Amino acid sequence: MDDETRGASAARTLGLAGFDAPEARALPPAATTGVAGAAVPCASDLASRRALAHGRQQLRDGPVADACSALLRAADGLRETDPLEARRALLAAASAAWSAGDHDTYRRVFAVGPCHVCGAMDASTPCAKECPEAAWRDHRIGMSAVAEGDLQRATTVLEPRLYQVAPRAETQELCDAGSVALLLGRLPLARRLLSLALASARSSGAQTEVPGIIAHLACAELREGRHPQARAHAEEGLLLARRLGQRNVAADLSAVRALVVSIAGDLPTVRHQVAEVLAVAQPHGLAQAAFLAEWAQARAELGAGKVEQAAARLAPLVQPGARQGHFGLWFLAVPCFVEACVLSGRILEAPEMVDLFAVWADLGADPQAPAQLARCRALLASADRSEELYRAALAHHEKASGPYEHARTHLAFGMWLRRRRRPTEARDQLRAALMGFEHCGAALWARRAGAELRAAGEASGTAEAGLLASLTPQQVRIARDVACGATNKEIAAELSISVRTVEYHLRNVFAQLGVRSRTGLAHLLANVDDDHDRGWDLPEPG
C-alpha cells in the first residue's frame, strides 16, 4: 500500500476527510494557475500552512497557548483548500488546549453543529451511516462528550472505532486511537495501539514523532500500575526529546518519571526532577506537566512523612475553584489528598472530595477508581464500617490489574488491623503489601510495609540485633523517624498516637541508647543497618 492509499485509509477511519463538506464536493478556486498550468497556492493558503508549521513546532517546544491559536488559524484557513490537513490542524489544536488545561478551547474545538449533508441537527443526533461526514462528526461528538465529562456517551460513540484500527495503520492513526483509548480508560487497548504506533514511527524513520508517542505510552503504563515499564519508557523518550529540542514533550516525560520516582525514590530526587519540569512548564503554560509534577512532589512528601505539606500542596490542585489543577486530570490525585488530610488532621476537607471522586469512579474510565474509592471511604469511616470497606476495596482490586494500588490497600488495611490489636490478621495483609510493592518496584512503600510488618510482630532476622535490640518496634520506628528529620507531630499523625506518647517513647529511646539530642540520635543511627524499618515511607493511597 503506497503512502497516498494509507493516508486515505487513515482519513476514513478517523473521519478526517472533508472538513465540513462532503468528500466529493469540488474545492473552490483558492489558487491561481501558473503559465505551465500548475496550481500556485494563493497568499492566504501559504499563510495558513505557515501557521500550521509554526503551531506544530510550538506544540513541541514553545508556549502551547500560542500553538493552539496558530493551529486554529491554520484549520480555518485550510478548511476549503485542504480539508484533510485542516482537520489534522484542528486535532493538534485540541492537543495544545489539553496540554494548556484550556477547557473552554478544548470544548470549542469539538463543538458539534448540524450536518449539512444528511441533516443531523446536533450532537444528540449522529449522521446517517452512508453520510461522508459520519466518521468525523462521530469523532467530534465523542470528544465533545469527553470535554463535558460524559464518559458513557463518549465510550458508546468512540470505542467501536478503536477496534477497527488495523495493526498496520499509519503512525498518526494508531497514536490518535491510542490517545482516545487512554482518555476512555481502556488501558490495555491504549498500550497496544500506542506500542504499534511506536513501532510504526521507528520503522518509518519518523524520529520527531517518537518522543510524543512514548509520552502517551508511559502515561498508559503509569495509570495501569506498570511503574518499571513507565519509567523505562519515560527515560528513553526524555533522552530523545532533549536531543530533538522538544522541551514540551521532555517536560511531560519528566513529569511521568517524577511520578514513578515518587514511589520508588527519595524526596530530594523528586524535588530536583519536579524543578526541571516546572522550569519549562511554567513559561510554556503546560498545565498537564505542571499538575503531574506537583502531584509527584506531594506524593513524595507524603511518603517522607511531610503530611501537612502534601495536603497543602494538593488542596488547590483537587478542590473546586480557580486554582484547580488540570480539568481532565485533577481527580487522579484525590485519593492522595484524602489520605494526606486524614494524617494531617484536615479530615473535614476530605468527605467532599470523596463524593466528587465517586462521580469520577462511576464513569468507568479508570479501572483502579472503584478500589481507590472504597479505600478512601474506609479511611474516613467509623470503626464499625472500615473493615467492610477495606474488604470491598480488595475485592475491586481482584477485577483490575495494578499491583501498586492493590498493595497500597493491603497496607492500609494491615495498619488498621494492627492499631486494633489484631496482629495475626494484620500480618497477613502486610505480607501481601510487601510482596506487591516489591513486585512493582515501589521501594519506599516496601520499606514501609516491612516496618509495619515488624511492628506487628513479624520476626526480622538480624535486624533487631545489636544497637536497637533493646528498643520495642514502636520505639525503633520513632527513632528512625526522628533520625530522618520528622517532627513529633508528624510521627504522631503517622502512627495514630498522641504527641505526648511520642515524647514518652523518645525519652526512653534517648535513655536506652545513651544520647541527649535528636542530632545525636541521627548520628548514632547513621551506621545502623539500613534494612530496618523507616516509619515515613509512602502513606499515599493514589
Protein backbone atom coordinates (compact mmCIF):
# COMPACT_ATOMS: atom_id res chain seq x y z
CA MET A 1 0.00 0.00 0.00
CA ASP A 2 1.53 3.35 -1.01
CA ASP A 3 1.61 6.44 1.23
CA GLU A 4 -1.36 8.06 -0.51
CA THR A 5 -3.55 5.00 -0.05
CA ARG A 6 -2.51 4.63 3.60
CA GLY A 7 -3.31 8.29 4.21
CA ALA A 8 -6.76 7.93 2.67
CA SER A 9 -7.44 4.86 4.81
CA ALA A 10 -6.46 6.71 7.97
CA ALA A 11 -8.60 9.66 6.99
CA ARG A 12 -11.65 7.45 6.62
CA THR A 13 -11.14 5.71 9.98
CA LEU A 14 -10.52 8.94 11.88
CA GLY A 15 -13.15 10.85 9.96
CA LEU A 16 -10.61 13.36 8.72
CA ALA A 17 -11.63 13.66 5.10
CA GLY A 18 -13.86 16.56 4.05
CA PHE A 19 -13.81 19.37 6.64
CA ASP A 20 -17.45 20.47 6.96
CA ALA A 21 -18.01 19.36 3.37
CA PRO A 22 -18.61 16.02 1.65
CA GLU A 23 -15.52 14.34 0.25
CA ALA A 24 -16.88 14.54 -3.30
CA ARG A 25 -17.53 18.27 -3.13
CA ALA A 26 -15.40 20.27 -5.54
CA LEU A 27 -12.88 22.54 -3.87
CA PRO A 28 -13.40 26.26 -4.51
CA PRO A 29 -10.80 28.14 -6.51
CA ALA A 30 -8.34 29.10 -3.77
CA ALA A 31 -5.28 29.05 -6.02
CA THR A 32 -4.19 30.69 -9.23
CA THR A 33 -2.81 28.85 -12.25
CA GLY A 34 0.73 29.41 -13.40
CA VAL A 35 1.92 29.53 -17.02
CA ALA A 36 2.55 25.84 -17.15
CA GLY A 37 -0.92 25.11 -15.80
CA ALA A 38 0.34 24.09 -12.33
CA ALA A 39 -1.58 25.20 -9.27
CA VAL A 40 0.11 28.02 -7.39
CA PRO A 41 -1.07 28.45 -3.80
CA CYS A 42 -2.54 31.83 -3.01
CA ALA A 43 -1.20 34.06 -0.25
CA SER A 44 -3.85 33.06 2.28
CA ASP A 45 -3.17 29.37 1.70
CA LEU A 46 0.57 29.89 2.20
CA ALA A 47 -0.12 31.87 5.37
CA SER A 48 -2.28 29.06 6.70
CA ARG A 49 0.43 26.49 6.03
CA ARG A 50 3.00 28.69 7.76
CA ALA A 51 0.65 28.92 10.74
CA LEU A 52 0.30 25.14 10.72
CA ALA A 53 4.07 24.59 10.69
CA HIS A 54 4.55 27.20 13.41
CA GLY A 55 1.80 25.69 15.55
CA ARG A 56 3.22 22.19 15.31
CA GLN A 57 6.66 23.46 16.27
CA GLN A 58 5.31 25.46 19.22
CA LEU A 59 3.35 22.44 20.41
CA ARG A 60 6.64 20.59 20.87
CA ASP A 61 8.77 23.50 22.06
CA GLY A 62 7.03 26.76 22.91
CA PRO A 63 4.03 28.33 24.65
CA VAL A 64 1.16 25.94 23.97
CA ALA A 65 -1.44 28.71 24.01
CA ASP A 66 0.38 30.24 21.02
CA ALA A 67 0.49 26.82 19.38
CA CYS A 68 -3.26 26.42 19.86
CA SER A 69 -4.00 29.83 18.29
CA ALA A 70 -1.77 29.13 15.29
CA LEU A 71 -3.29 25.70 14.72
CA LEU A 72 -6.86 27.00 14.93
CA ARG A 73 -5.97 29.72 12.43
CA ALA A 74 -4.44 27.11 10.11
CA ALA A 75 -7.52 24.87 10.41
CA ASP A 76 -9.80 27.74 9.48
CA GLY A 77 -7.62 28.80 6.54
CA LEU A 78 -7.24 25.30 5.10
CA ARG A 79 -10.80 24.06 5.51
CA GLU A 80 -11.64 24.70 1.84
CA THR A 81 -8.29 24.14 0.10
CA ASP A 82 -7.04 21.13 2.10
CA PRO A 83 -9.78 19.62 4.29
CA LEU A 84 -7.66 16.69 5.46
CA GLU A 85 -4.83 18.92 6.68
CA ALA A 86 -7.37 21.28 8.25
CA ARG A 87 -8.77 18.50 10.38
CA ARG A 88 -5.31 17.43 11.42
CA ALA A 89 -4.62 21.02 12.45
CA LEU A 90 -7.82 21.00 14.49
CA LEU A 91 -6.83 17.80 16.30
CA ALA A 92 -3.40 19.28 17.02
CA ALA A 93 -5.13 22.39 18.40
CA ALA A 94 -7.13 20.15 20.71
CA SER A 95 -3.88 18.55 21.88
CA ALA A 96 -2.46 22.02 22.59
CA ALA A 97 -5.59 23.01 24.53
CA TRP A 98 -5.33 19.81 26.59
CA SER A 99 -1.65 20.49 27.36
CA ALA A 100 -2.58 24.03 28.41
CA GLY A 101 -5.51 22.87 30.53
CA ASP A 102 -7.74 25.18 28.47
CA HIS A 103 -11.13 23.57 28.96
CA ASP A 104 -13.11 26.22 27.05
CA THR A 105 -10.99 25.95 23.90
CA TYR A 106 -11.00 22.16 24.13
CA ARG A 107 -14.80 22.28 24.19
CA ARG A 108 -14.94 24.69 21.23
CA VAL A 109 -12.65 22.54 19.08
CA PHE A 110 -15.07 19.65 19.32
CA ALA A 111 -18.32 21.63 19.28
CA VAL A 112 -20.83 19.86 17.02
CA GLY A 113 -23.35 21.63 14.82
CA PRO A 114 -25.83 20.46 12.17
CA CYS A 115 -24.57 18.25 9.37
CA HIS A 116 -25.30 20.00 6.07
CA VAL A 117 -25.11 16.67 4.19
CA CYS A 118 -27.54 14.32 5.96
CA GLY A 119 -29.39 16.85 8.09
CA ALA A 120 -28.41 15.54 11.53
CA MET A 121 -29.13 18.50 13.77
CA ASP A 122 -26.93 18.39 16.87
CA ALA A 123 -24.61 16.25 19.00
CA SER A 124 -27.51 14.08 20.14
CA THR A 125 -28.19 13.03 16.53
CA PRO A 126 -25.48 11.03 14.73
CA CYS A 127 -25.12 11.17 10.97
CA ALA A 128 -26.65 8.55 8.72
CA LYS A 129 -24.23 5.66 8.19
CA GLU A 130 -23.80 6.43 4.50
CA CYS A 131 -23.07 10.12 5.16
CA PRO A 132 -19.48 11.04 4.19
CA GLU A 133 -19.34 13.24 7.29
CA ALA A 134 -20.30 10.42 9.67
CA ALA A 135 -16.84 9.35 10.87
CA TRP A 136 -15.52 12.86 11.52
CA ARG A 137 -18.77 14.04 13.11
CA ASP A 138 -18.92 10.94 15.33
CA HIS A 139 -15.37 11.66 16.45
CA ARG A 140 -16.31 15.22 17.37
CA ILE A 141 -19.48 14.08 19.15
CA GLY A 142 -17.45 11.58 21.20
CA MET A 143 -14.68 14.03 22.05
CA SER A 144 -17.23 16.71 22.89
CA ALA A 145 -18.71 14.25 25.38
CA VAL A 146 -15.22 13.74 26.84
CA ALA A 147 -14.89 17.51 27.24
CA GLU A 148 -18.22 17.63 29.06
CA GLY A 149 -17.38 14.68 31.31
CA ASP A 150 -19.97 12.38 29.74
CA LEU A 151 -17.70 9.35 29.51
CA GLN A 152 -20.55 6.93 29.00
CA ARG A 153 -21.65 8.65 25.78
CA ALA A 154 -18.06 9.16 24.71
CA THR A 155 -17.36 5.46 25.09
CA THR A 156 -20.51 4.48 23.19
CA VAL A 157 -19.54 6.68 20.24
CA LEU A 158 -15.75 6.31 20.17
CA GLU A 159 -14.89 2.83 21.41
CA PRO A 160 -16.24 0.81 18.44
CA ARG A 161 -13.94 2.70 16.04
CA LEU A 162 -10.89 1.96 18.19
CA TYR A 163 -11.26 -1.74 17.49
CA GLN A 164 -11.46 -1.03 13.76
CA VAL A 165 -7.94 0.39 13.63
CA ALA A 166 -5.71 -2.07 11.79
CA PRO A 167 -2.32 -3.03 13.28
CA ARG A 168 -0.63 -1.79 10.08
CA ALA A 169 -2.43 1.55 10.05
CA GLU A 170 -0.29 4.65 9.69
CA THR A 171 1.54 6.01 12.72
CA GLN A 172 -0.69 9.02 13.37
CA GLU A 173 -3.88 6.96 13.20
CA LEU A 174 -2.52 4.47 15.73
CA CYS A 175 -1.33 7.24 18.02
CA ASP A 176 -4.63 9.14 17.86
CA ALA A 177 -6.62 5.97 18.55
CA GLY A 178 -4.31 5.06 21.45
CA SER A 179 -4.74 8.53 22.95
CA VAL A 180 -8.53 8.22 22.76
CA ALA A 181 -8.37 4.79 24.42
CA LEU A 182 -6.26 6.33 27.19
CA LEU A 183 -8.86 9.06 27.74
CA LEU A 184 -11.61 6.45 27.95
CA GLY A 185 -9.66 4.35 30.44
CA ARG A 186 -9.26 1.41 28.08
CA LEU A 187 -5.70 0.99 29.25
CA PRO A 188 -4.68 -2.40 27.75
CA LEU A 189 -6.08 -1.26 24.39
CA ALA A 190 -4.29 2.08 24.73
CA ARG A 191 -0.98 0.33 25.40
CA ARG A 192 -1.44 -1.97 22.41
CA LEU A 193 -2.28 0.84 19.99
CA LEU A 194 0.48 3.12 21.26
CA SER A 195 3.04 0.29 21.11
CA LEU A 196 2.04 -0.28 17.49
CA ALA A 197 2.32 3.47 16.82
CA LEU A 198 5.80 3.49 18.36
CA ALA A 199 6.91 0.55 16.22
CA SER A 200 5.46 2.22 13.13
CA ALA A 201 7.22 5.52 13.83
CA ARG A 202 10.55 3.81 14.39
CA SER A 203 10.32 1.61 11.31
CA SER A 204 9.38 4.55 9.10
CA GLY A 205 12.13 6.77 10.45
CA ALA A 206 9.69 9.35 11.87
CA GLN A 207 12.01 10.27 14.75
CA THR A 208 10.26 13.53 15.58
CA GLU A 209 7.06 11.62 16.38
CA VAL A 210 8.69 9.08 18.71
CA PRO A 211 9.00 11.13 21.95
CA GLY A 212 5.35 12.19 21.88
CA ILE A 213 4.16 8.63 21.32
CA ILE A 214 6.38 7.40 24.16
CA ALA A 215 4.90 10.08 26.45
CA HIS A 216 1.38 8.74 25.83
CA LEU A 217 2.55 5.13 26.23
CA ALA A 218 4.31 5.90 29.53
CA CYS A 219 1.14 7.57 30.82
CA ALA A 220 -0.90 4.48 29.94
CA GLU A 221 1.61 2.25 31.74
CA LEU A 222 1.64 4.53 34.77
CA ARG A 223 -2.14 4.54 35.06
CA GLU A 224 -2.21 0.76 34.75
CA GLY A 225 0.30 0.40 37.58
CA ARG A 226 3.19 -0.73 35.38
CA HIS A 227 5.70 1.56 37.05
CA PRO A 228 9.00 -0.03 35.93
CA GLN A 229 7.87 -0.01 32.28
CA ALA A 230 6.61 3.57 32.58
CA ARG A 231 9.94 4.70 33.97
CA ALA A 232 11.94 2.90 31.29
CA HIS A 233 9.89 4.47 28.51
CA ALA A 234 9.92 7.91 30.14
CA GLU A 235 13.70 7.90 30.43
CA GLU A 236 14.13 6.66 26.87
CA GLY A 237 11.75 9.28 25.49
CA LEU A 238 13.30 12.01 27.61
CA LEU A 239 16.74 11.48 26.09
CA LEU A 240 15.36 11.64 22.56
CA ALA A 241 13.10 14.63 23.23
CA ARG A 242 16.03 16.60 24.62
CA ARG A 243 18.21 15.67 21.66
CA LEU A 244 15.48 16.83 19.25
CA GLY A 245 14.88 20.06 21.15
CA GLN A 246 11.29 19.12 22.10
CA ARG A 247 11.20 20.75 25.52
CA ASN A 248 7.45 20.47 25.99
CA VAL A 249 7.48 16.74 25.33
CA ALA A 250 10.51 16.40 27.60
CA ALA A 251 8.57 18.15 30.38
CA ASP A 252 5.69 15.68 30.01
CA LEU A 253 8.09 12.75 30.15
CA SER A 254 9.96 14.21 33.13
CA ALA A 255 6.65 14.54 34.99
CA VAL A 256 5.83 10.88 34.39
CA ARG A 257 9.31 9.90 35.57
CA ALA A 258 8.87 12.01 38.72
CA LEU A 259 5.60 10.23 39.50
CA VAL A 260 7.33 6.86 39.27
CA VAL A 261 10.27 8.02 41.38
CA SER A 262 7.84 9.37 43.98
CA ILE A 263 7.07 5.78 44.97
CA ALA A 264 10.48 4.29 44.27
CA GLY A 265 12.94 7.05 45.18
CA ASP A 266 13.53 9.75 47.76
CA LEU A 267 12.13 13.26 48.22
CA PRO A 268 15.27 15.22 47.19
CA THR A 269 15.43 13.36 43.87
CA VAL A 270 11.77 14.03 43.18
CA ARG A 271 12.16 17.70 44.07
CA HIS A 272 15.01 18.02 41.58
CA GLN A 273 13.01 16.36 38.83
CA VAL A 274 9.92 18.46 39.57
CA ALA A 275 12.03 21.62 39.36
CA GLU A 276 13.17 20.51 35.89
CA VAL A 277 9.56 20.08 34.79
CA LEU A 278 8.35 23.40 36.16
CA ALA A 279 11.27 25.29 34.59
CA VAL A 280 9.65 24.55 31.21
CA ALA A 281 6.01 24.02 32.18
CA GLN A 282 5.51 27.42 33.79
CA PRO A 283 6.79 29.68 30.98
CA HIS A 284 5.25 27.48 28.27
CA GLY A 285 1.88 27.11 30.02
CA LEU A 286 2.00 23.31 30.27
CA ALA A 287 -0.81 22.69 32.73
CA GLN A 288 -0.73 18.92 32.34
CA ALA A 289 3.00 18.62 33.03
CA ALA A 290 2.78 21.08 35.94
CA PHE A 291 -0.11 19.18 37.51
CA LEU A 292 1.65 15.82 37.27
CA ALA A 293 4.85 17.34 38.69
CA GLU A 294 3.08 18.92 41.67
CA TRP A 295 1.28 15.66 42.31
CA ALA A 296 4.59 13.79 42.20
CA GLN A 297 6.13 16.14 44.76
CA ALA A 298 3.11 15.86 47.05
CA ARG A 299 3.24 12.07 46.77
CA ALA A 300 6.92 12.09 47.70
CA GLU A 301 6.26 14.49 50.59
CA LEU A 302 3.57 12.17 51.84
CA GLY A 303 5.99 9.27 51.54
CA ALA A 304 8.57 11.22 53.55
CA GLY A 305 6.03 11.89 56.27
CA LYS A 306 5.52 15.54 55.36
CA VAL A 307 1.79 15.06 55.51
CA GLU A 308 0.88 18.69 56.16
CA GLN A 309 2.97 19.86 53.20
CA ALA A 310 1.40 17.21 50.99
CA ALA A 311 -2.13 18.20 51.96
CA ALA A 312 -1.39 21.89 51.44
CA ARG A 313 0.15 21.24 48.02
CA LEU A 314 -2.70 19.03 46.85
CA ALA A 315 -5.61 21.10 48.14
CA PRO A 316 -5.60 23.71 45.33
CA LEU A 317 -4.99 21.02 42.72
CA VAL A 318 -8.06 18.95 43.54
CA GLN A 319 -10.55 21.25 45.23
CA PRO A 320 -13.05 23.17 43.06
CA GLY A 321 -12.05 26.73 42.25
CA ALA A 322 -9.90 28.90 40.02
CA ARG A 323 -6.67 27.17 41.09
CA GLN A 324 -7.91 23.63 40.48
CA GLY A 325 -5.45 21.52 38.53
CA HIS A 326 -5.89 20.22 35.01
CA PHE A 327 -9.57 19.88 34.10
CA GLY A 328 -9.13 16.31 32.84
CA LEU A 329 -6.69 15.01 35.45
CA TRP A 330 -7.35 16.55 38.89
CA PHE A 331 -9.33 13.53 40.09
CA LEU A 332 -6.26 11.28 39.83
CA ALA A 333 -4.74 12.97 42.89
CA VAL A 334 -7.86 12.83 45.06
CA PRO A 335 -7.01 9.55 46.86
CA CYS A 336 -3.62 11.00 47.72
CA PHE A 337 -5.25 14.17 49.07
CA VAL A 338 -7.75 12.22 51.17
CA GLU A 339 -5.04 10.31 52.98
CA ALA A 340 -2.94 13.44 53.48
CA CYS A 341 -6.00 15.07 55.07
CA VAL A 342 -6.59 12.08 57.36
CA LEU A 343 -2.96 12.01 58.51
CA SER A 344 -2.61 15.78 58.95
CA GLY A 345 -5.85 16.38 60.81
CA ARG A 346 -7.60 18.17 57.92
CA ILE A 347 -10.26 15.49 57.92
CA LEU A 348 -13.16 17.90 57.39
CA GLU A 349 -11.87 18.66 53.88
CA ALA A 350 -11.85 15.04 52.76
CA PRO A 351 -15.52 13.92 52.57
CA GLU A 352 -16.48 16.44 49.88
CA MET A 353 -13.58 15.29 47.71
CA VAL A 354 -14.52 11.65 48.21
CA ASP A 355 -18.01 12.45 46.95
CA LEU A 356 -16.55 14.16 43.86
CA PHE A 357 -14.21 11.23 43.28
CA ALA A 358 -17.19 8.88 43.48
CA VAL A 359 -18.71 10.66 40.48
CA TRP A 360 -15.50 10.05 38.54
CA ALA A 361 -15.28 6.41 39.66
CA ASP A 362 -18.84 5.79 38.44
CA LEU A 363 -17.88 6.90 34.92
CA GLY A 364 -15.83 3.73 34.44
CA ALA A 365 -12.86 5.48 32.84
CA ASP A 366 -10.32 4.29 35.42
CA PRO A 367 -10.17 0.59 36.34
CA GLN A 368 -8.50 1.39 39.69
CA ALA A 369 -11.01 4.04 40.78
CA PRO A 370 -13.63 1.76 42.45
CA ALA A 371 -10.99 0.23 44.71
CA GLN A 372 -9.44 3.62 45.47
CA LEU A 373 -12.88 5.00 46.32
CA ALA A 374 -13.61 2.16 48.76
CA ARG A 375 -10.20 2.68 50.37
CA CYS A 376 -10.82 6.42 50.77
CA ARG A 377 -14.17 5.71 52.37
CA ALA A 378 -12.55 3.17 54.71
CA LEU A 379 -10.04 5.80 55.85
CA LEU A 380 -12.88 8.14 56.79
CA ALA A 381 -15.38 5.61 58.10
CA SER A 382 -16.22 4.75 61.68
CA ALA A 383 -14.55 1.68 63.14
CA ASP A 384 -17.62 -0.48 62.62
CA ARG A 385 -17.65 0.19 58.86
CA SER A 386 -13.97 0.43 57.93
CA GLU A 387 -13.28 -3.30 57.74
CA GLU A 388 -16.18 -3.88 55.38
CA LEU A 389 -14.95 -1.06 53.11
CA TYR A 390 -11.35 -2.30 53.09
CA ARG A 391 -12.53 -5.77 52.08
CA ALA A 392 -14.71 -4.23 49.37
CA ALA A 393 -11.66 -2.37 48.06
CA LEU A 394 -9.66 -5.60 47.92
CA ALA A 395 -12.50 -7.29 46.02
CA HIS A 396 -12.45 -4.46 43.47
CA HIS A 397 -8.69 -4.89 43.05
CA GLU A 398 -9.23 -8.50 42.00
CA LYS A 399 -11.10 -7.20 38.93
CA ALA A 400 -8.39 -4.81 37.73
CA SER A 401 -4.66 -5.13 37.22
CA GLY A 402 -2.35 -2.85 39.18
CA PRO A 403 -0.08 -4.36 41.84
CA TYR A 404 0.82 -0.99 43.36
CA GLU A 405 -2.76 0.03 44.12
CA HIS A 406 -3.60 -3.46 45.36
CA ALA A 407 -0.60 -3.48 47.68
CA ARG A 408 -1.49 0.00 48.89
CA THR A 409 -4.89 -1.21 50.07
CA HIS A 410 -3.35 -4.27 51.76
CA LEU A 411 -1.02 -1.90 53.62
CA ALA A 412 -3.77 0.48 54.74
CA PHE A 413 -5.92 -2.43 55.92
CA GLY A 414 -2.98 -4.07 57.70
CA MET A 415 -2.19 -0.83 59.53
CA TRP A 416 -5.83 -0.52 60.55
CA LEU A 417 -5.87 -4.08 61.90
CA ARG A 418 -2.61 -3.61 63.80
CA ARG A 419 -3.89 -0.47 65.52
CA ARG A 420 -6.89 -2.50 66.68
CA ARG A 421 -4.62 -5.14 68.20
CA ARG A 422 -5.34 -7.83 65.63
CA PRO A 423 -1.70 -8.65 64.79
CA THR A 424 -2.22 -12.05 63.18
CA GLU A 425 -4.70 -10.68 60.63
CA ALA A 426 -2.58 -7.59 60.20
CA ARG A 427 0.49 -9.64 59.28
CA ASP A 428 -1.41 -11.40 56.50
CA GLN A 429 -2.32 -8.06 54.91
CA LEU A 430 1.12 -6.56 55.44
CA ARG A 431 2.94 -9.54 53.89
CA ALA A 432 0.72 -9.19 50.81
CA ALA A 433 1.51 -5.47 50.72
CA LEU A 434 5.26 -6.09 50.96
CA MET A 435 5.25 -8.59 48.10
CA GLY A 436 3.10 -6.32 45.95
CA PHE A 437 5.36 -3.32 46.43
CA GLU A 438 8.45 -5.36 45.69
CA HIS A 439 6.79 -6.67 42.54
CA CYS A 440 6.18 -3.18 41.12
CA GLY A 441 9.46 -1.61 42.23
CA ALA A 442 7.92 0.65 44.90
CA ALA A 443 10.96 0.55 47.19
CA LEU A 444 9.78 3.24 49.61
CA TRP A 445 6.42 1.56 50.08
CA ALA A 446 8.11 -1.82 50.50
CA ARG A 447 10.22 -0.44 53.34
CA ARG A 448 7.12 1.00 54.97
CA ALA A 449 5.29 -2.33 54.67
CA GLY A 450 8.31 -4.08 56.18
CA ALA A 451 8.32 -1.63 59.08
CA GLU A 452 4.62 -2.20 59.72
CA LEU A 453 5.13 -5.94 59.49
CA ARG A 454 7.85 -5.89 62.13
CA ALA A 455 5.74 -3.61 64.32
CA ALA A 456 3.00 -6.25 64.05
CA GLY A 457 5.39 -8.86 65.48
CA GLU A 458 6.97 -10.41 62.37
CA ALA A 459 10.42 -11.84 63.06
CA SER A 460 13.11 -9.79 61.31
CA GLY A 461 16.22 -11.97 61.48
CA THR A 462 19.31 -9.98 62.41
CA ALA A 463 17.66 -6.58 62.01
CA GLU A 464 16.73 -6.45 65.73
CA ALA A 465 20.24 -7.39 66.83
CA GLY A 466 22.91 -5.02 68.07
CA LEU A 467 22.28 -1.38 68.82
CA LEU A 468 18.47 -1.42 68.51
CA ALA A 469 17.86 -4.74 70.27
CA SER A 470 16.82 -3.04 73.49
CA LEU A 471 14.05 -1.00 71.82
CA THR A 472 10.49 -2.02 71.11
CA PRO A 473 9.35 -2.00 67.44
CA GLN A 474 7.41 1.21 68.13
CA GLN A 475 10.48 2.86 69.64
CA VAL A 476 12.63 1.76 66.70
CA ARG A 477 10.19 3.36 64.30
CA ILE A 478 10.14 6.61 66.26
CA ALA A 479 13.94 6.63 66.49
CA ARG A 480 14.25 6.12 62.74
CA ASP A 481 11.71 8.83 62.01
CA VAL A 482 13.47 11.33 64.26
CA ALA A 483 16.78 10.49 62.59
CA CYS A 484 15.16 11.22 59.21
CA GLY A 485 14.05 14.66 60.38
CA ALA A 486 10.38 14.07 61.22
CA THR A 487 8.79 16.17 63.94
CA ASN A 488 6.95 14.70 66.90
CA LYS A 489 3.66 15.95 65.46
CA GLU A 490 4.32 14.25 62.11
CA ILE A 491 5.24 10.99 63.83
CA ALA A 492 2.12 11.13 65.96
CA ALA A 493 -0.07 11.63 62.88
CA GLU A 494 1.55 8.72 61.07
CA LEU A 495 1.33 6.28 63.99
CA SER A 496 -2.12 7.41 65.13
CA ILE A 497 -0.86 8.20 68.62
CA SER A 498 -0.64 11.41 70.61
CA VAL A 499 2.32 13.79 70.57
CA ARG A 500 2.73 13.14 74.29
CA THR A 501 3.10 9.40 73.62
CA VAL A 502 5.78 10.13 71.00
CA GLU A 503 7.63 12.29 73.54
CA TYR A 504 7.42 9.50 76.13
CA HIS A 505 8.86 6.91 73.72
CA LEU A 506 11.57 9.31 72.59
CA ARG A 507 12.75 9.94 76.15
CA ASN A 508 13.06 6.17 76.59
CA VAL A 509 14.97 5.88 73.31
CA PHE A 510 17.44 8.56 74.42
CA ALA A 511 17.94 6.79 77.74
CA GLN A 512 18.37 3.32 76.19
CA LEU A 513 20.83 4.49 73.52
CA GLY A 514 22.71 6.98 75.66
CA VAL A 515 22.12 10.07 73.51
CA ARG A 516 20.92 13.51 74.57
CA SER A 517 19.57 15.10 71.39
CA ARG A 518 17.82 14.41 68.10
CA THR A 519 21.05 15.24 66.28
CA GLY A 520 23.00 12.77 68.40
CA LEU A 521 20.39 10.12 67.66
CA ALA A 522 20.67 10.78 63.92
CA HIS A 523 24.46 10.41 64.03
CA LEU A 524 24.21 7.22 66.06
CA LEU A 525 21.74 5.59 63.69
CA ALA A 526 23.60 6.63 60.54
CA ASN A 527 25.73 3.49 60.69
CA VAL A 528 22.97 1.09 61.69
CA ASP A 529 21.88 -1.50 59.14
CA ASP A 530 19.57 0.40 56.76
CA ASP A 531 17.49 -2.70 56.24
CA HIS A 532 15.48 -1.96 59.37
CA ASP A 533 12.23 -0.10 59.34
CA ARG A 534 11.83 3.53 58.37
CA GLY A 535 8.47 4.81 59.51
CA TRP A 536 7.62 7.52 56.98
CA ASP A 537 7.71 5.70 53.71
CA LEU A 538 4.73 6.07 51.46
CA PRO A 539 1.40 6.55 53.14
CA GLU A 540 -0.06 7.68 49.81
CA PRO A 541 -3.11 5.78 48.56
CA GLY A 542 -3.32 7.03 44.97
